[in-house]
């Protein structure tokens, strides 16, 4: 009876307090737009060399205390560019995204973001171009937008960095990468074409962040990965990593509610109904998993468009 009461109370709080915009709301949500714009701006060349550990997942170069993380393949970075880039920079952002092999992006609740991208970045012209451009000035081993917060740097022609904080805060991790934000229990999701990790997902559903012991124990990390087939259809796999087995058992229904809300917010009724009807759930210890049926490329692009509109609206409210 105690577990059932705790579960019901948590569900009630989640229904009342879950933000309508989902995970990517507010200033942190504007990071994809900013990063794609930055990649477009720095496309021409290569700035001073920075040393880094080769072969590391670029997520390891990002700060370990950010609110959400994203990792995407070239194809999915292009899809993000098409949906999220600002109208005046869309073509440039798509050109930049096409040079990226793997993008890692992280954003904090305070509006800060960091990005590291492996790819093929032409070298040789950046110093001359940026030095002659009054819109940019030298800062340390990279460049800073004059009158703005955007910074960019290249380790070499393969690794680009961007942030809206001093890059000196980021570059030490190039030689001493931090552990991936993806929990070990869900490490199999690292192979997704698109990966999103929200370390403290319970905080997004603010109704679960009360002072009660039962609410606090609902803490979980959300990891979601999308796998793309030859036709462009995406299959979704997600993992909710709780603090212990009891929390997973008690609050699995909260995870289901979170997924239900996200699907309803992003997909049209027909696609949403099919996804939810075909969801396959499982629980193993502190880990709750769900696998959704594939959704075609058109439905996925529509969902990204809805998410981009929500992001822009949230960013505008926080300007």
C-alpha atoms as a PDB file:
ATOM      1  CA  UNK A   1       0.000   0.000   0.000  1.00  0.00           C
ATOM      2  CA  UNK A   2       2.853   2.402   0.842  1.00  0.00           C
ATOM      3  CA  UNK A   3       4.493   2.005  -2.564  1.00  0.00           C
ATOM      4  CA  UNK A   4       1.173   2.400  -4.354  1.00  0.00           C
ATOM      5  CA  UNK A   5       0.405   5.597  -2.426  1.00  0.00           C
ATOM      6  CA  UNK A   6       3.861   7.010  -3.200  1.00  0.00           C
ATOM      7  CA  UNK A   7       3.487   6.146  -6.869  1.00  0.00           C
ATOM      8  CA  UNK A   8       0.032   7.733  -7.088  1.00  0.00           C
ATOM      9  CA  UNK A   9       1.203  10.899  -5.354  1.00  0.00           C
ATOM     10  CA  UNK A  10       4.161  11.198  -7.729  1.00  0.00           C
ATOM     11  CA  UNK A  11       1.918  10.745 -10.763  1.00  0.00           C
ATOM     12  CA  UNK A  12      -0.456  13.413  -9.504  1.00  0.00           C
ATOM     13  CA  UNK A  13       2.405  15.866  -8.967  1.00  0.00           C
ATOM     14  CA  UNK A  14       3.788  15.097 -12.424  1.00  0.00           C
ATOM     15  CA  UNK A  15       0.422  15.686 -14.118  1.00  0.00           C
ATOM     16  CA  UNK A  16       0.028  19.051 -12.360  1.00  0.00           C
ATOM     17  CA  UNK A  17       3.586  20.309 -12.718  1.00  0.00           C
ATOM     18  CA  UNK A  18       5.157  18.766 -15.820  1.00  0.00           C
ATOM     19  CA  UNK A  19       6.205  21.629 -18.139  1.00  0.00           C
ATOM     20  CA  UNK A  20       4.265  21.672 -21.401  1.00  0.00           C
ATOM     21  CA  UNK A  21       7.374  22.267 -23.493  1.00  0.00           C
ATOM     22  CA  UNK A  22       9.130  19.060 -22.466  1.00  0.00           C
ATOM     23  CA  UNK A  23      12.843  18.676 -21.784  1.00  0.00           C
ATOM     24  CA  UNK A  24      14.202  21.351 -24.119  1.00  0.00           C
ATOM     25  CA  UNK A  25      12.724  24.554 -22.745  1.00  0.00           C
ATOM     26  CA  UNK A  26      14.095  27.963 -21.878  1.00  0.00           C
ATOM     27  CA  UNK A  27      17.591  29.297 -22.451  1.00  0.00           C
ATOM     28  CA  UNK A  28      19.307  25.904 -22.408  1.00  0.00           C
ATOM     29  CA  UNK A  29      17.064  24.814 -25.258  1.00  0.00           C
ATOM     30  CA  UNK A  30      18.455  27.489 -27.603  1.00  0.00           C
ATOM     31  CA  UNK A  31      21.858  25.753 -27.660  1.00  0.00           C
ATOM     32  CA  UNK A  32      21.200  23.705 -30.855  1.00  0.00           C
ATOM     33  CA  UNK A  33      20.345  26.907 -32.736  1.00  0.00           C
ATOM     34  CA  UNK A  34      23.448  28.695 -31.441  1.00  0.00           C
ATOM     35  CA  UNK A  35      25.828  25.821 -32.146  1.00  0.00           C
ATOM     36  CA  UNK A  36      24.613  25.346 -35.710  1.00  0.00           C
ATOM     37  CA  UNK A  37      25.042  29.081 -36.271  1.00  0.00           C
ATOM     38  CA  UNK A  38      28.557  28.917 -34.816  1.00  0.00           C
ATOM     39  CA  UNK A  39      29.486  25.998 -37.068  1.00  0.00           C
ATOM     40  CA  UNK A  40      28.313  28.030 -40.031  1.00  0.00           C
ATOM     41  CA  UNK A  41      30.407  31.020 -38.999  1.00  0.00           C
ATOM     42  CA  UNK A  42      33.612  29.040 -38.512  1.00  0.00           C
ATOM     43  CA  UNK A  43      33.266  26.901 -41.628  1.00  0.00           C
ATOM     44  CA  UNK A  44      36.042  28.573 -43.692  1.00  0.00           C
ATOM     45  CA  UNK A  45      39.138  27.408 -41.881  1.00  0.00           C
ATOM     46  CA  UNK A  46      41.299  26.340 -39.011  1.00  0.00           C
ATOM     47  CA  UNK A  47      42.564  28.361 -36.024  1.00  0.00           C
ATOM     48  CA  UNK A  48      45.615  27.557 -33.831  1.00  0.00           C
ATOM     49  CA  UNK A  49      46.162  23.904 -33.007  1.00  0.00           C
ATOM     50  CA  UNK A  50      45.086  22.444 -29.670  1.00  0.00           C
ATOM     51  CA  UNK A  51      46.285  19.069 -28.435  1.00  0.00           C
ATOM     52  CA  UNK A  52      43.689  16.417 -27.636  1.00  0.00           C
ATOM     53  CA  UNK A  53      43.324  12.709 -26.911  1.00  0.00           C
ATOM     54  CA  UNK A  54      42.522  11.017 -30.198  1.00  0.00           C
ATOM     55  CA  UNK A  55      39.703   8.498 -30.575  1.00  0.00           C
ATOM     56  CA  UNK A  56      37.637   9.819 -27.636  1.00  0.00           C
ATOM     57  CA  UNK A  57      33.867  10.174 -27.806  1.00  0.00           C
ATOM     58  CA  UNK A  58      33.452  13.982 -28.075  1.00  0.00           C
ATOM     59  CA  UNK A  59      30.952  13.858 -25.202  1.00  0.00           C
ATOM     60  CA  UNK A  60      34.031  13.357 -23.006  1.00  0.00           C
ATOM     61  CA  UNK A  61      35.222  16.869 -23.887  1.00  0.00           C
ATOM     62  CA  UNK A  62      32.082  18.509 -22.439  1.00  0.00           C
ATOM     63  CA  UNK A  63      31.521  19.725 -18.878  1.00  0.00           C
ATOM     64  CA  UNK A  64      30.152  17.021 -16.554  1.00  0.00           C
ATOM     65  CA  UNK A  65      27.521  19.259 -14.899  1.00  0.00           C
ATOM     66  CA  UNK A  66      25.297  20.293 -17.806  1.00  0.00           C
ATOM     67  CA  UNK A  67      21.548  19.829 -17.902  1.00  0.00           C
ATOM     68  CA  UNK A  68      21.317  17.869 -21.136  1.00  0.00           C
ATOM     69  CA  UNK A  69      23.624  16.321 -23.727  1.00  0.00           C
ATOM     70  CA  UNK A  70      23.180  15.496 -27.382  1.00  0.00           C
ATOM     71  CA  UNK A  71      25.333  13.414 -29.718  1.00  0.00           C
ATOM     72  CA  UNK A  72      24.508  13.078 -33.411  1.00  0.00           C
ATOM     73  CA  UNK A  73      25.837  11.534 -36.603  1.00  0.00           C
ATOM     74  CA  UNK A  74      26.301  13.571 -39.783  1.00  0.00           C
ATOM     75  CA  UNK A  75      22.845  12.667 -41.108  1.00  0.00           C
ATOM     76  CA  UNK A  76      21.132  13.581 -37.866  1.00  0.00           C
ATOM     77  CA  UNK A  77      23.186  16.769 -37.486  1.00  0.00           C
ATOM     78  CA  UNK A  78      21.919  17.750 -40.937  1.00  0.00           C
ATOM     79  CA  UNK A  79      18.341  17.042 -39.854  1.00  0.00           C
ATOM     80  CA  UNK A  80      18.864  19.228 -36.782  1.00  0.00           C
ATOM     81  CA  UNK A  81      20.380  21.997 -38.910  1.00  0.00           C
ATOM     82  CA  UNK A  82      17.419  21.975 -41.247  1.00  0.00           C
ATOM     83  CA  UNK A  83      14.976  22.243 -38.339  1.00  0.00           C
ATOM     84  CA  UNK A  84      16.763  24.410 -35.789  1.00  0.00           C
ATOM     85  CA  UNK A  85      19.068  26.850 -37.620  1.00  0.00           C
ATOM     86  CA  UNK A  86      18.008  30.477 -37.745  1.00  0.00           C
ATOM     87  CA  UNK A  87      16.331  31.450 -40.993  1.00  0.00           C
ATOM     88  CA  UNK A  88      19.106  33.797 -42.131  1.00  0.00           C
ATOM     89  CA  UNK A  89      21.827  31.227 -41.470  1.00  0.00           C
ATOM     90  CA  UNK A  90      20.056  28.032 -42.469  1.00  0.00           C
ATOM     91  CA  UNK A  91      21.986  27.408 -45.705  1.00  0.00           C
ATOM     92  CA  UNK A  92      25.305  28.041 -43.981  1.00  0.00           C
ATOM     93  CA  UNK A  93      24.381  25.822 -41.051  1.00  0.00           C
ATOM     94  CA  UNK A  94      23.482  22.988 -43.431  1.00  0.00           C
ATOM     95  CA  UNK A  95      26.839  23.409 -45.209  1.00  0.00           C
ATOM     96  CA  UNK A  96      28.622  23.262 -41.859  1.00  0.00           C
ATOM     97  CA  UNK A  97      26.613  20.262 -40.657  1.00  0.00           C
ATOM     98  CA  UNK A  98      27.572  18.381 -43.810  1.00  0.00           C
ATOM     99  CA  UNK A  99      31.223  18.578 -42.704  1.00  0.00           C
ATOM    100  CA  UNK A 100      30.511  17.101 -39.263  1.00  0.00           C
ATOM    101  CA  UNK A 101      31.046  13.396 -38.658  1.00  0.00           C
ATOM    102  CA  UNK A 102      29.938  13.489 -35.008  1.00  0.00           C
ATOM    103  CA  UNK A 103      28.583  16.406 -32.997  1.00  0.00           C
ATOM    104  CA  UNK A 104      28.500  16.470 -29.197  1.00  0.00           C
ATOM    105  CA  UNK A 105      26.560  19.264 -27.533  1.00  0.00           C
ATOM    106  CA  UNK A 106      25.753  20.045 -23.927  1.00  0.00           C
ATOM    107  CA  UNK A 107      23.735  22.873 -22.387  1.00  0.00           C
ATOM    108  CA  UNK A 108      23.139  24.088 -18.857  1.00  0.00           C
ATOM    109  CA  UNK A 109      20.106  25.587 -17.203  1.00  0.00           C
ATOM    110  CA  UNK A 110      21.965  28.914 -16.944  1.00  0.00           C
ATOM    111  CA  UNK A 111      22.137  29.198 -20.742  1.00  0.00           C
ATOM    112  CA  UNK A 112      25.732  28.073 -21.181  1.00  0.00           C
ATOM    113  CA  UNK A 113      26.585  25.539 -23.837  1.00  0.00           C
ATOM    114  CA  UNK A 114      29.597  23.620 -25.100  1.00  0.00           C
ATOM    115  CA  UNK A 115      30.055  21.727 -28.344  1.00  0.00           C
ATOM    116  CA  UNK A 116      32.760  19.531 -29.827  1.00  0.00           C
ATOM    117  CA  UNK A 117      32.565  18.250 -33.393  1.00  0.00           C
ATOM    118  CA  UNK A 118      34.663  15.752 -35.296  1.00  0.00           C
ATOM    119  CA  UNK A 119      34.667  16.274 -39.024  1.00  0.00           C
ATOM    120  CA  UNK A 120      36.553  17.733 -41.945  1.00  0.00           C
ATOM    121  CA  UNK A 121      37.191  21.441 -41.532  1.00  0.00           C
ATOM    122  CA  UNK A 122      39.218  23.232 -44.240  1.00  0.00           C
ATOM    123  CA  UNK A 123      42.418  24.797 -42.883  1.00  0.00           C
ATOM    124  CA  UNK A 124      44.600  27.757 -43.766  1.00  0.00           C
ATOM    125  CA  UNK A 125      42.258  30.742 -44.131  1.00  0.00           C
ATOM    126  CA  UNK A 126      40.635  31.277 -40.747  1.00  0.00           C
ATOM    127  CA  UNK A 127      43.364  33.406 -39.148  1.00  0.00           C
ATOM    128  CA  UNK A 128      43.448  35.878 -42.027  1.00  0.00           C
ATOM    129  CA  UNK A 129      39.676  35.987 -42.443  1.00  0.00           C
ATOM    130  CA  UNK A 130      38.827  36.362 -38.763  1.00  0.00           C
ATOM    131  CA  UNK A 131      41.674  38.805 -38.070  1.00  0.00           C
ATOM    132  CA  UNK A 132      40.351  41.041 -40.836  1.00  0.00           C
ATOM    133  CA  UNK A 133      36.746  40.722 -39.670  1.00  0.00           C
ATOM    134  CA  UNK A 134      35.724  43.332 -37.042  1.00  0.00           C
ATOM    135  CA  UNK A 135      33.051  40.887 -35.910  1.00  0.00           C
ATOM    136  CA  UNK A 136      35.702  38.636 -34.347  1.00  0.00           C
ATOM    137  CA  UNK A 137      38.694  39.096 -32.061  1.00  0.00           C
ATOM    138  CA  UNK A 138      41.428  36.796 -30.817  1.00  0.00           C
ATOM    139  CA  UNK A 139      40.858  35.207 -27.390  1.00  0.00           C
ATOM    140  CA  UNK A 140      43.442  32.736 -26.148  1.00  0.00           C
ATOM    141  CA  UNK A 141      43.796  29.900 -28.635  1.00  0.00           C
ATOM    142  CA  UNK A 142      40.610  30.697 -30.491  1.00  0.00           C
ATOM    143  CA  UNK A 143      38.296  33.510 -31.464  1.00  0.00           C
ATOM    144  CA  UNK A 144      35.462  35.406 -29.769  1.00  0.00           C
ATOM    145  CA  UNK A 145      32.603  37.233 -31.400  1.00  0.00           C
ATOM    146  CA  UNK A 146      33.070  40.980 -30.882  1.00  0.00           C
ATOM    147  CA  UNK A 147      30.414  42.261 -28.526  1.00  0.00           C
ATOM    148  CA  UNK A 148      29.075  38.747 -28.024  1.00  0.00           C
ATOM    149  CA  UNK A 149      29.722  35.561 -26.063  1.00  0.00           C
ATOM    150  CA  UNK A 150      30.311  33.027 -28.854  1.00  0.00           C
ATOM    151  CA  UNK A 151      33.765  31.430 -28.962  1.00  0.00           C
ATOM    152  CA  UNK A 152      35.235  29.042 -31.526  1.00  0.00           C
ATOM    153  CA  UNK A 153      38.514  27.166 -31.888  1.00  0.00           C
ATOM    154  CA  UNK A 154      39.977  24.261 -33.829  1.00  0.00           C
ATOM    155  CA  UNK A 155      42.233  21.609 -32.377  1.00  0.00           C
ATOM    156  CA  UNK A 156      43.127  20.751 -35.987  1.00  0.00           C
ATOM    157  CA  UNK A 157      41.252  20.103 -39.201  1.00  0.00           C
ATOM    158  CA  UNK A 158      39.323  17.263 -37.511  1.00  0.00           C
ATOM    159  CA  UNK A 159      38.079  18.727 -34.197  1.00  0.00           C
ATOM    160  CA  UNK A 160      36.167  21.986 -33.711  1.00  0.00           C
ATOM    161  CA  UNK A 161      35.049  23.532 -30.428  1.00  0.00           C
ATOM    162  CA  UNK A 162      32.376  26.114 -29.660  1.00  0.00           C
ATOM    163  CA  UNK A 163      30.964  27.639 -26.486  1.00  0.00           C
ATOM    164  CA  UNK A 164      29.431  30.791 -25.075  1.00  0.00           C
ATOM    165  CA  UNK A 165      31.887  30.673 -22.161  1.00  0.00           C
ATOM    166  CA  UNK A 166      35.702  31.009 -22.277  1.00  0.00           C
ATOM    167  CA  UNK A 167      37.160  28.018 -24.088  1.00  0.00           C
ATOM    168  CA  UNK A 168      39.910  27.877 -21.455  1.00  0.00           C
ATOM    169  CA  UNK A 169      37.265  26.190 -19.268  1.00  0.00           C
ATOM    170  CA  UNK A 170      36.812  23.485 -21.893  1.00  0.00           C
ATOM    171  CA  UNK A 171      40.262  22.827 -23.345  1.00  0.00           C
ATOM    172  CA  UNK A 172      41.743  20.998 -20.297  1.00  0.00           C
ATOM    173  CA  UNK A 173      39.264  18.187 -20.968  1.00  0.00           C
ATOM    174  CA  UNK A 174      40.788  17.671 -24.408  1.00  0.00           C
ATOM    175  CA  UNK A 175      43.731  15.958 -22.670  1.00  0.00           C
ATOM    176  CA  UNK A 176      41.777  14.670 -19.659  1.00  0.00           C
ATOM    177  CA  UNK A 177      38.323  13.668 -20.939  1.00  0.00           C
ATOM    178  CA  UNK A 178      35.566  13.179 -18.375  1.00  0.00           C
ATOM    179  CA  UNK A 179      33.316  10.099 -18.154  1.00  0.00           C
ATOM    180  CA  UNK A 180      30.405  10.011 -20.560  1.00  0.00           C
ATOM    181  CA  UNK A 181      27.118  11.405 -19.203  1.00  0.00           C
ATOM    182  CA  UNK A 182      25.507   8.201 -20.476  1.00  0.00           C
ATOM    183  CA  UNK A 183      25.152   5.805 -17.499  1.00  0.00           C
ATOM    184  CA  UNK A 184      26.979   2.484 -17.764  1.00  0.00           C
ATOM    185  CA  UNK A 185      23.662   0.658 -17.426  1.00  0.00           C
ATOM    186  CA  UNK A 186      22.521   2.185 -20.713  1.00  0.00           C
ATOM    187  CA  UNK A 187      25.881   2.195 -22.513  1.00  0.00           C
ATOM    188  CA  UNK A 188      24.459   0.153 -25.394  1.00  0.00           C
ATOM    189  CA  UNK A 189      22.582   3.280 -26.508  1.00  0.00           C
ATOM    190  CA  UNK A 190      25.857   4.995 -27.398  1.00  0.00           C
ATOM    191  CA  UNK A 191      25.611   3.518 -30.909  1.00  0.00           C
ATOM    192  CA  UNK A 192      22.516   5.530 -31.793  1.00  0.00           C
ATOM    193  CA  UNK A 193      22.548   7.922 -34.740  1.00  0.00           C
ATOM    194  CA  UNK A 194      21.109  10.472 -32.333  1.00  0.00           C
ATOM    195  CA  UNK A 195      21.525  10.283 -28.558  1.00  0.00           C
ATOM    196  CA  UNK A 196      20.061  12.550 -25.886  1.00  0.00           C
ATOM    197  CA  UNK A 197      20.972  12.228 -22.204  1.00  0.00           C
ATOM    198  CA  UNK A 198      19.270  14.149 -19.386  1.00  0.00           C
ATOM    199  CA  UNK A 199      21.220  13.309 -16.199  1.00  0.00           C
ATOM    200  CA  UNK A 200      18.671  14.717 -13.750  1.00  0.00           C
ATOM    201  CA  UNK A 201      15.480  14.086 -15.669  1.00  0.00           C
ATOM    202  CA  UNK A 202      13.421  14.108 -12.454  1.00  0.00           C
ATOM    203  CA  UNK A 203      14.063  17.866 -12.223  1.00  0.00           C
ATOM    204  CA  UNK A 204      12.404  18.419 -15.598  1.00  0.00           C
ATOM    205  CA  UNK A 205       9.205  17.034 -14.094  1.00  0.00           C
ATOM    206  CA  UNK A 206       9.277  19.588 -11.304  1.00  0.00           C
ATOM    207  CA  UNK A 207       6.440  17.873  -9.468  1.00  0.00           C
ATOM    208  CA  UNK A 208       8.883  15.101  -8.580  1.00  0.00           C
ATOM    209  CA  UNK A 209      11.393  17.465  -7.013  1.00  0.00           C
ATOM    210  CA  UNK A 210       9.538  18.184  -3.768  1.00  0.00           C
ATOM    211  CA  UNK A 211      10.941  17.872  -0.277  1.00  0.00           C
ATOM    212  CA  UNK A 212       9.231  14.570   0.469  1.00  0.00           C
ATOM    213  CA  UNK A 213      11.526  11.561   0.716  1.00  0.00           C
ATOM    214  CA  UNK A 214       9.310   9.653  -1.679  1.00  0.00           C
ATOM    215  CA  UNK A 215       9.558  12.352  -4.346  1.00  0.00           C
ATOM    216  CA  UNK A 216      13.326  12.650  -3.968  1.00  0.00           C
ATOM    217  CA  UNK A 217      13.738   8.918  -4.548  1.00  0.00           C
ATOM    218  CA  UNK A 218      12.130   9.332  -7.981  1.00  0.00           C
ATOM    219  CA  UNK A 219      15.388  10.681  -9.366  1.00  0.00           C
ATOM    220  CA  UNK A 220      16.389   9.130 -12.655  1.00  0.00           C
ATOM    221  CA  UNK A 221      18.544   9.714 -15.708  1.00  0.00           C
ATOM    222  CA  UNK A 222      16.866   9.609 -19.109  1.00  0.00           C
ATOM    223  CA  UNK A 223      18.810   8.367 -22.122  1.00  0.00           C
ATOM    224  CA  UNK A 224      17.130   8.125 -25.521  1.00  0.00           C
ATOM    225  CA  UNK A 225      18.674   6.939 -28.780  1.00  0.00           C
ATOM    226  CA  UNK A 226      17.331   6.916 -32.317  1.00  0.00           C
ATOM    227  CA  UNK A 227      18.482   4.451 -34.960  1.00  0.00           C
ATOM    228  CA  UNK A 228      18.020   5.284 -38.645  1.00  0.00           C
ATOM    229  CA  UNK A 229      17.454   2.673 -41.363  1.00  0.00           C
ATOM    230  CA  UNK A 230      18.120   2.952 -45.090  1.00  0.00           C
ATOM    231  CA  UNK A 231      14.734   4.527 -45.743  1.00  0.00           C
ATOM    232  CA  UNK A 232      15.206   7.228 -43.121  1.00  0.00           C
ATOM    233  CA  UNK A 233      12.823   5.711 -40.577  1.00  0.00           C
ATOM    234  CA  UNK A 234      13.800   6.137 -36.918  1.00  0.00           C
ATOM    235  CA  UNK A 235      13.435   3.568 -34.192  1.00  0.00           C
ATOM    236  CA  UNK A 236      13.458   4.907 -30.641  1.00  0.00           C
ATOM    237  CA  UNK A 237      15.019   3.161 -27.658  1.00  0.00           C
ATOM    238  CA  UNK A 238      15.066   4.804 -24.263  1.00  0.00           C
ATOM    239  CA  UNK A 239      16.318   3.944 -20.793  1.00  0.00           C
ATOM    240  CA  UNK A 240      15.291   5.394 -17.445  1.00  0.00           C
ATOM    241  CA  UNK A 241      18.091   4.757 -14.947  1.00  0.00           C
ATOM    242  CA  UNK A 242      16.882   5.014 -11.344  1.00  0.00           C
ATOM    243  CA  UNK A 243      18.908   5.139  -8.152  1.00  0.00           C
ATOM    244  CA  UNK A 244      17.883   1.633  -7.064  1.00  0.00           C
ATOM    245  CA  UNK A 245      15.527  -1.239  -7.856  1.00  0.00           C
ATOM    246  CA  UNK A 246      12.783  -0.097  -5.496  1.00  0.00           C
ATOM    247  CA  UNK A 247      12.655   3.367  -7.095  1.00  0.00           C
ATOM    248  CA  UNK A 248      12.422   1.785 -10.538  1.00  0.00           C
ATOM    249  CA  UNK A 249       9.539  -0.412  -9.398  1.00  0.00           C
ATOM    250  CA  UNK A 250       7.653   2.420  -7.704  1.00  0.00           C
ATOM    251  CA  UNK A 251       8.204   5.117 -10.307  1.00  0.00           C
ATOM    252  CA  UNK A 252       8.120   3.194 -13.572  1.00  0.00           C
ATOM    253  CA  UNK A 253       4.679   4.686 -14.123  1.00  0.00           C
ATOM    254  CA  UNK A 254       6.223   8.160 -13.918  1.00  0.00           C
ATOM    255  CA  UNK A 255       8.616   7.228 -16.730  1.00  0.00           C
ATOM    256  CA  UNK A 256       5.672   5.994 -18.784  1.00  0.00           C
ATOM    257  CA  UNK A 257       3.835   9.260 -18.179  1.00  0.00           C
ATOM    258  CA  UNK A 258       6.893  11.274 -19.242  1.00  0.00           C
ATOM    259  CA  UNK A 259       7.136   9.347 -22.502  1.00  0.00           C
ATOM    260  CA  UNK A 260       3.408   9.654 -23.122  1.00  0.00           C
ATOM    261  CA  UNK A 261       3.597  13.434 -22.741  1.00  0.00           C
ATOM    262  CA  UNK A 262       6.607  13.761 -25.042  1.00  0.00           C
ATOM    263  CA  UNK A 263       5.023  11.671 -27.804  1.00  0.00           C
ATOM    264  CA  UNK A 264       1.735  13.547 -27.581  1.00  0.00           C
ATOM    265  CA  UNK A 265       3.550  16.899 -27.735  1.00  0.00           C
ATOM    266  CA  UNK A 266       5.734  16.085 -30.738  1.00  0.00           C
ATOM    267  CA  UNK A 267       3.767  13.773 -33.027  1.00  0.00           C
ATOM    268  CA  UNK A 268       0.435  14.077 -34.800  1.00  0.00           C
ATOM    269  CA  UNK A 269      -2.361  11.953 -33.297  1.00  0.00           C
ATOM    270  CA  UNK A 270      -2.025   9.123 -35.829  1.00  0.00           C
ATOM    271  CA  UNK A 271       1.733   8.715 -35.461  1.00  0.00           C
ATOM    272  CA  UNK A 272       1.546   9.251 -31.705  1.00  0.00           C
ATOM    273  CA  UNK A 273      -1.125   6.571 -31.247  1.00  0.00           C
ATOM    274  CA  UNK A 274       0.919   4.070 -33.272  1.00  0.00           C
ATOM    275  CA  UNK A 275       4.086   4.779 -31.279  1.00  0.00           C
ATOM    276  CA  UNK A 276       2.394   4.444 -27.901  1.00  0.00           C
ATOM    277  CA  UNK A 277       0.418   1.353 -28.903  1.00  0.00           C
ATOM    278  CA  UNK A 278       3.593  -0.384 -30.055  1.00  0.00           C
ATOM    279  CA  UNK A 279       5.767   0.566 -27.072  1.00  0.00           C
ATOM    280  CA  UNK A 280       7.512  -2.410 -25.441  1.00  0.00           C
ATOM    281  CA  UNK A 281       8.497  -1.861 -21.786  1.00  0.00           C
ATOM    282  CA  UNK A 282      10.809  -3.867 -19.546  1.00  0.00           C
ATOM    283  CA  UNK A 283      12.362  -3.441 -16.106  1.00  0.00           C
ATOM    284  CA  UNK A 284      15.620  -4.960 -14.870  1.00  0.00           C
ATOM    285  CA  UNK A 285      16.752  -3.855 -11.451  1.00  0.00           C
ATOM    286  CA  UNK A 286      17.182  -0.070 -11.425  1.00  0.00           C
ATOM    287  CA  UNK A 287      16.771   0.142 -15.200  1.00  0.00           C
ATOM    288  CA  UNK A 288      13.481   0.689 -17.050  1.00  0.00           C
ATOM    289  CA  UNK A 289      13.631   0.386 -20.831  1.00  0.00           C
ATOM    290  CA  UNK A 290      11.212   1.115 -23.645  1.00  0.00           C
ATOM    291  CA  UNK A 291      11.418   0.442 -27.361  1.00  0.00           C
ATOM    292  CA  UNK A 292       9.115   2.197 -29.801  1.00  0.00           C
ATOM    293  CA  UNK A 293       8.221   1.104 -33.333  1.00  0.00           C
ATOM    294  CA  UNK A 294       9.830   2.908 -36.251  1.00  0.00           C
ATOM    295  CA  UNK A 295       8.462   6.228 -37.458  1.00  0.00           C
ATOM    296  CA  UNK A 296       8.980   7.357 -41.053  1.00  0.00           C
ATOM    297  CA  UNK A 297      11.144  10.305 -42.035  1.00  0.00           C
ATOM    298  CA  UNK A 298       8.222  12.647 -42.730  1.00  0.00           C
ATOM    299  CA  UNK A 299       6.710  12.122 -39.266  1.00  0.00           C
ATOM    300  CA  UNK A 300      10.152  12.572 -37.707  1.00  0.00           C
ATOM    301  CA  UNK A 301      10.728  15.864 -39.544  1.00  0.00           C
ATOM    302  CA  UNK A 302       7.301  17.085 -38.443  1.00  0.00           C
ATOM    303  CA  UNK A 303       8.193  16.221 -34.838  1.00  0.00           C
ATOM    304  CA  UNK A 304      11.485  18.136 -35.116  1.00  0.00           C
ATOM    305  CA  UNK A 305       9.620  21.132 -36.499  1.00  0.00           C
ATOM    306  CA  UNK A 306       7.278  21.105 -33.506  1.00  0.00           C
ATOM    307  CA  UNK A 307      10.219  20.798 -31.133  1.00  0.00           C
ATOM    308  CA  UNK A 308      12.081  23.642 -32.864  1.00  0.00           C
ATOM    309  CA  UNK A 309       9.013  25.880 -32.553  1.00  0.00           C
ATOM    310  CA  UNK A 310       8.763  25.066 -28.841  1.00  0.00           C
ATOM    311  CA  UNK A 311      12.485  25.764 -28.385  1.00  0.00           C
ATOM    312  CA  UNK A 312      12.268  29.147 -30.086  1.00  0.00           C
ATOM    313  CA  UNK A 313       9.228  30.097 -28.051  1.00  0.00           C
ATOM    314  CA  UNK A 314      10.987  29.086 -24.832  1.00  0.00           C
ATOM    315  CA  UNK A 315      14.157  30.956 -25.793  1.00  0.00           C
ATOM    316  CA  UNK A 316      12.123  34.049 -26.611  1.00  0.00           C
ATOM    317  CA  UNK A 317      10.461  34.031 -23.213  1.00  0.00           C
ATOM    318  CA  UNK A 318      13.887  34.003 -21.561  1.00  0.00           C
ATOM    319  CA  UNK A 319      15.545  36.751 -23.623  1.00  0.00           C
END
